[in-house]
Amino acid sequence: MVKILGKYVLRKVDGEYVLFPLRANEGSFPGICSFNETGAFIWRQIEKRYDRLEIASCLSREYGVDALTAASHTVAFLQELEDLSVIEVRANMFV
């Protein structure tokens, strides 16, 4: 399970996706974070409360990449968000 820690809104600004906290001082989040199209897609899956496996599967279908590549990119992106204290990833999913 992937849990969002706090309240955030994703907006497209000048062709870039930007994640804004709705409250100041959300964890150690630096204020805003920008994503590419793939990152925004993954964020939308997190908002749907999908787990890592579901997110990777959606990513694979959406972008036509193999399951291993999708899983690798998903795990790396989720780790970045977890390092920023934006999300928490529970250990009962694939690594």
C-alpha atoms as a PDB file:
ATOM      1  CA  MET A   1       0.000   0.000   0.000  1.00  0.00           C
ATOM      2  CA  VAL A   2       1.143   3.524  -0.798  1.00  0.00           C
ATOM      3  CA  LYS A   3      -0.164   6.203   1.540  1.00  0.00           C
ATOM      4  CA  ILE A   4       0.014   9.945   0.890  1.00  0.00           C
ATOM      5  CA  LEU A   5       1.232  11.783   3.993  1.00  0.00           C
ATOM      6  CA  GLY A   6      -0.524  15.125   4.044  1.00  0.00           C
ATOM      7  CA  LYS A   7      -2.587  16.962   1.479  1.00  0.00           C
ATOM      8  CA  TYR A   8      -1.182  17.875  -1.915  1.00  0.00           C
ATOM      9  CA  VAL A   9      -2.453  19.094  -5.251  1.00  0.00           C
ATOM     10  CA  LEU A  10      -0.880  18.349  -8.633  1.00  0.00           C
ATOM     11  CA  ARG A  11      -1.111  21.089 -11.267  1.00  0.00           C
ATOM     12  CA  LYS A  12       0.310  21.530 -14.745  1.00  0.00           C
ATOM     13  CA  VAL A  13       2.319  24.770 -14.913  1.00  0.00           C
ATOM     14  CA  ASP A  14       4.118  25.825 -18.100  1.00  0.00           C
ATOM     15  CA  GLY A  15       4.144  22.259 -19.405  1.00  0.00           C
ATOM     16  CA  GLU A  16       5.485  20.809 -16.164  1.00  0.00           C
ATOM     17  CA  TYR A  17       3.583  19.031 -13.415  1.00  0.00           C
ATOM     18  CA  VAL A  18       4.071  20.581  -9.992  1.00  0.00           C
ATOM     19  CA  LEU A  19       3.050  19.089  -6.645  1.00  0.00           C
ATOM     20  CA  PHE A  20       2.054  21.710  -4.084  1.00  0.00           C
ATOM     21  CA  PRO A  21       1.372  21.050  -0.402  1.00  0.00           C
ATOM     22  CA  LEU A  22      -1.980  22.404   0.780  1.00  0.00           C
ATOM     23  CA  ARG A  23      -0.468  23.194   4.186  1.00  0.00           C
ATOM     24  CA  ALA A  24       2.937  24.621   5.009  1.00  0.00           C
ATOM     25  CA  ASN A  25       5.474  22.313   6.652  1.00  0.00           C
ATOM     26  CA  GLU A  26       4.120  18.995   5.348  1.00  0.00           C
ATOM     27  CA  GLY A  27       6.840  16.686   6.679  1.00  0.00           C
ATOM     28  CA  SER A  28      10.245  17.426   5.180  1.00  0.00           C
ATOM     29  CA  PHE A  29       8.722  18.310   1.803  1.00  0.00           C
ATOM     30  CA  PRO A  30      10.704  21.211   0.279  1.00  0.00           C
ATOM     31  CA  GLY A  31       7.656  23.246  -0.786  1.00  0.00           C
ATOM     32  CA  ILE A  32       6.992  22.140  -4.345  1.00  0.00           C
ATOM     33  CA  CYS A  33       8.167  19.274  -6.489  1.00  0.00           C
ATOM     34  CA  SER A  34       8.045  19.039 -10.270  1.00  0.00           C
ATOM     35  CA  PHE A  35       7.287  15.879 -12.247  1.00  0.00           C
ATOM     36  CA  ASN A  36       7.412  14.868 -15.846  1.00  0.00           C
ATOM     37  CA  GLU A  37       4.398  13.233 -17.537  1.00  0.00           C
ATOM     38  CA  THR A  38       5.340   9.797 -16.188  1.00  0.00           C
ATOM     39  CA  GLY A  39       5.713  11.087 -12.637  1.00  0.00           C
ATOM     40  CA  ALA A  40       2.323  12.786 -12.880  1.00  0.00           C
ATOM     41  CA  PHE A  41       0.813   9.529 -14.145  1.00  0.00           C
ATOM     42  CA  ILE A  42       2.270   7.631 -11.180  1.00  0.00           C
ATOM     43  CA  TRP A  43       1.020  10.315  -8.770  1.00  0.00           C
ATOM     44  CA  ARG A  44      -2.509   9.885 -10.131  1.00  0.00           C
ATOM     45  CA  GLN A  45      -2.269   6.141  -9.457  1.00  0.00           C
ATOM     46  CA  ILE A  46      -1.115   6.853  -5.898  1.00  0.00           C
ATOM     47  CA  GLU A  47      -4.164   9.086  -5.456  1.00  0.00           C
ATOM     48  CA  LYS A  48      -6.313   6.118  -6.519  1.00  0.00           C
ATOM     49  CA  ARG A  49      -4.713   4.206  -3.621  1.00  0.00           C
ATOM     50  CA  TYR A  50      -3.057   1.664  -5.885  1.00  0.00           C
ATOM     51  CA  ASP A  51      -0.183  -0.390  -4.509  1.00  0.00           C
ATOM     52  CA  ARG A  52       3.224  -0.597  -6.170  1.00  0.00           C
ATOM     53  CA  LEU A  53       2.317  -3.622  -8.255  1.00  0.00           C
ATOM     54  CA  GLU A  54      -0.864  -1.981  -9.560  1.00  0.00           C
ATOM     55  CA  ILE A  55       0.988   1.257 -10.308  1.00  0.00           C
ATOM     56  CA  ALA A  56       3.718  -0.585 -12.222  1.00  0.00           C
ATOM     57  CA  SER A  57       1.103  -2.557 -14.154  1.00  0.00           C
ATOM     58  CA  CYS A  58      -0.736   0.663 -15.110  1.00  0.00           C
ATOM     59  CA  LEU A  59       2.556   2.269 -16.113  1.00  0.00           C
ATOM     60  CA  SER A  60       3.455  -0.717 -18.284  1.00  0.00           C
ATOM     61  CA  ARG A  61       0.102  -0.591 -20.092  1.00  0.00           C
ATOM     62  CA  GLU A  62       0.016   3.203 -20.467  1.00  0.00           C
ATOM     63  CA  TYR A  63       3.524   3.602 -21.862  1.00  0.00           C
ATOM     64  CA  GLY A  64       4.020   0.200 -23.520  1.00  0.00           C
ATOM     65  CA  VAL A  65       7.080  -0.772 -21.484  1.00  0.00           C
ATOM     66  CA  ASP A  66       7.870  -4.214 -20.132  1.00  0.00           C
ATOM     67  CA  ALA A  67       6.836  -5.108 -16.582  1.00  0.00           C
ATOM     68  CA  LEU A  68      10.395  -5.097 -15.206  1.00  0.00           C
ATOM     69  CA  THR A  69      11.129  -1.607 -16.541  1.00  0.00           C
ATOM     70  CA  ALA A  70       7.799  -0.300 -15.229  1.00  0.00           C
ATOM     71  CA  ALA A  71       8.454  -1.856 -11.805  1.00  0.00           C
ATOM     72  CA  SER A  72      11.957  -0.379 -11.663  1.00  0.00           C
ATOM     73  CA  HIS A  73      10.756   3.130 -12.542  1.00  0.00           C
ATOM     74  CA  THR A  74       7.831   2.873 -10.132  1.00  0.00           C
ATOM     75  CA  VAL A  75      10.019   1.806  -7.217  1.00  0.00           C
ATOM     76  CA  ALA A  76      12.578   4.553  -7.930  1.00  0.00           C
ATOM     77  CA  PHE A  77       9.930   7.280  -8.148  1.00  0.00           C
ATOM     78  CA  LEU A  78       8.134   6.093  -5.021  1.00  0.00           C
ATOM     79  CA  GLN A  79      11.447   6.042  -3.166  1.00  0.00           C
ATOM     80  CA  GLU A  80      12.054   9.675  -4.103  1.00  0.00           C
ATOM     81  CA  LEU A  81       8.618  10.650  -2.784  1.00  0.00           C
ATOM     82  CA  GLU A  82       9.167   8.605   0.358  1.00  0.00           C
ATOM     83  CA  ASP A  83      12.536  10.298   0.943  1.00  0.00           C
ATOM     84  CA  LEU A  84      10.695  13.641   0.822  1.00  0.00           C
ATOM     85  CA  SER A  85       8.132  12.321   3.358  1.00  0.00           C
ATOM     86  CA  VAL A  86       5.320  12.810   0.835  1.00  0.00           C
ATOM     87  CA  ILE A  87       4.283   9.146   0.892  1.00  0.00           C
ATOM     88  CA  GLU A  88       4.736   6.029   2.965  1.00  0.00           C
ATOM     89  CA  VAL A  89       5.188   2.683   1.247  1.00  0.00           C
ATOM     90  CA  ARG A  90       4.159  -0.353   3.232  1.00  0.00           C
ATOM     91  CA  ALA A  91       6.484  -3.353   2.946  1.00  0.00           C
ATOM     92  CA  ASN A  92       3.925  -5.959   1.870  1.00  0.00           C
ATOM     93  CA  MET A  93       4.438  -5.359  -1.866  1.00  0.00           C
ATOM     94  CA  PHE A  94       7.152  -6.307  -4.350  1.00  0.00           C
ATOM     95  CA  VAL A  95      10.554  -4.689  -3.989  1.00  0.00           C
END
